[in-house]
Amino acid sequence: MLNQQIINHAKSCGNKESCGFVLKKNNNFEYFPCRNIALNPYDSFEISTEDWLRAEEIGEVVALVHSHPDDFPILSKTDQLIQQKTALDWWLVHSNSVYQFRLMLPLLGRDFKHGTTDCYTLFRDAYHLSGINLPDFYRKYNWWSEGKNYYLENMPENGFYKVSANEITEGDVIIICLGSSVPNHAAIYVGEQMILHHCPNRKSKRDIYNGFWLKYTHSIWRHKEWQSYGFMGISNNLAINLK
């Protein structure tokens, strides 16, 4: 019902971007449609202060909603920058579907904490931005030394298949043996011989994919539902510059 209300509002706006809020009221969720007051509502949206205050009077704002009638179902660079400022989940309407993008830390510059903000978290969050949702799970530190093989066990189960090194393309996942014979580190290939990853005791960053990282690569994987436009969701996040 909630999603259909959101979709119906987007349809009523035609080629203009719709916008609104998801509100929580008395343990129920409801949609609060807003008027798009942007100067160019066909390519952007803006919610008035009056609509925002009125929504907050009705219930707790838990998500901001807008549509991409003529664009891809991913958050733009501007969307992701403003999402950080609003500190809300953002929902996106596209082609009669609603895509939910949770609030997350920017992909670059994260502090490392195993099981919370580690290489799998970065991999999972990057894929979330591309429109593919992966499960989270508890992982004890040093699992690779205790008979576990999480990456090789979980990649096929979550829709990934192996590709050869000469097939690598933006968005592919590189599984690496980091100080272990068991593959225990994930990186995202971001093009131009660069990877995005998060090593212990370091901030998440881009690195050149050669030398050590290339030597200790175990395998390269691609998701069966991967779309080339999905990488735009990742690259848009890499481009945001938070002050």
Foldseek 3Di string as FASTA:
>chain_A
DQLVVLLVQCVVVPLFKWKWFWFADPNDTHTGTFDFPDPRRNVDGDGDPVSVVVRVVRGHTAEIEMENAPDDLAAFLVRLQVCVVVVHWYWYDYDSDIQIQGDDDQLFFAADDPLPDFFVVSLQNLLSRLVAHDDRDGDDPPVLVVPDQVPVVCQVVRAKDFDDPVPDDFQKKWFFADVHPRGDFIWTDHDPQKIWGGDHPDTTDIDRNDDPNVVGTDTIMDGPPGDPCSSSSNVSSVPHDDD
